Amino acid sequence: MKLKKPHPCGSNFWEILRVGADFRLKCQGCGHMVMVPRKLVEKNTKELQKKI
């Protein structure tokens, strides 16, 4: 998944680890994990990529 704003490490790409009322996201650049409310993820998502 690509977000509109980059993480401080410089990466825009995140892996979705958990979906529910909150999303658990993992930065593809540095590996940092965060919990973000669903509303913010839906608002800030630029594009989705299917995992192969």
Protein backbone atom coordinates (compact mmCIF):
# COMPACT_ATOMS: atom_id res chain seq x y z
CA MET A 1 0.00 0.00 0.00
CA LYS A 2 1.25 3.48 -0.77
CA LEU A 3 0.34 6.44 1.45
CA LYS A 4 0.26 10.10 0.43
CA LYS A 5 2.90 11.25 2.93
CA PRO A 6 6.21 9.45 3.44
CA HIS A 7 7.39 7.96 6.72
CA PRO A 8 10.35 9.87 8.28
CA CYS A 9 12.69 7.14 6.92
CA GLY A 10 11.66 8.22 3.38
CA SER A 11 9.50 5.26 2.35
CA ASN A 12 5.88 5.67 1.17
CA PHE A 13 5.16 1.92 1.10
CA TRP A 14 3.50 0.00 3.93
CA GLU A 15 2.44 -3.61 4.47
CA ILE A 16 -0.98 -4.23 6.05
CA LEU A 17 -0.63 -6.71 8.92
CA ARG A 18 -4.07 -6.39 10.57
CA VAL A 19 -7.45 -5.00 9.49
CA GLY A 20 -10.34 -4.02 11.75
CA ALA A 21 -11.38 -0.78 13.45
CA ASP A 22 -7.63 -0.06 13.44
CA PHE A 23 -5.00 -1.07 10.90
CA ARG A 24 -1.57 -2.37 11.90
CA LEU A 25 0.90 -1.16 9.27
CA LYS A 26 4.57 -2.04 8.80
CA CYS A 27 6.90 0.39 7.00
CA GLN A 28 8.65 -1.32 4.09
CA GLY A 29 11.67 0.97 4.49
CA CYS A 30 12.65 0.62 8.16
CA GLY A 31 10.25 -2.05 9.53
CA HIS A 32 8.55 0.26 12.05
CA MET A 33 5.01 -0.89 13.00
CA VAL A 34 2.14 1.45 13.85
CA MET A 35 -1.57 1.16 14.67
CA VAL A 36 -3.69 3.67 12.75
CA PRO A 37 -7.48 4.20 12.89
CA ARG A 38 -9.35 2.93 9.81
CA LYS A 39 -10.66 6.42 8.99
CA LEU A 40 -7.12 7.85 8.67
CA VAL A 41 -5.88 4.95 6.55
CA GLU A 42 -8.82 5.25 4.14
CA LYS A 43 -8.26 9.01 3.88
CA ASN A 44 -4.47 8.86 3.33
CA THR A 45 -4.17 5.84 1.02
CA LYS A 46 -2.88 6.67 -2.45
CA GLU A 47 -2.86 3.19 -4.03
CA LEU A 48 -3.17 -0.48 -3.10
CA GLN A 49 -1.00 -3.27 -4.45
CA LYS A 50 -1.97 -6.92 -4.20
CA LYS A 51 0.51 -9.20 -2.47
CA ILE A 52 1.84 -11.89 -4.79
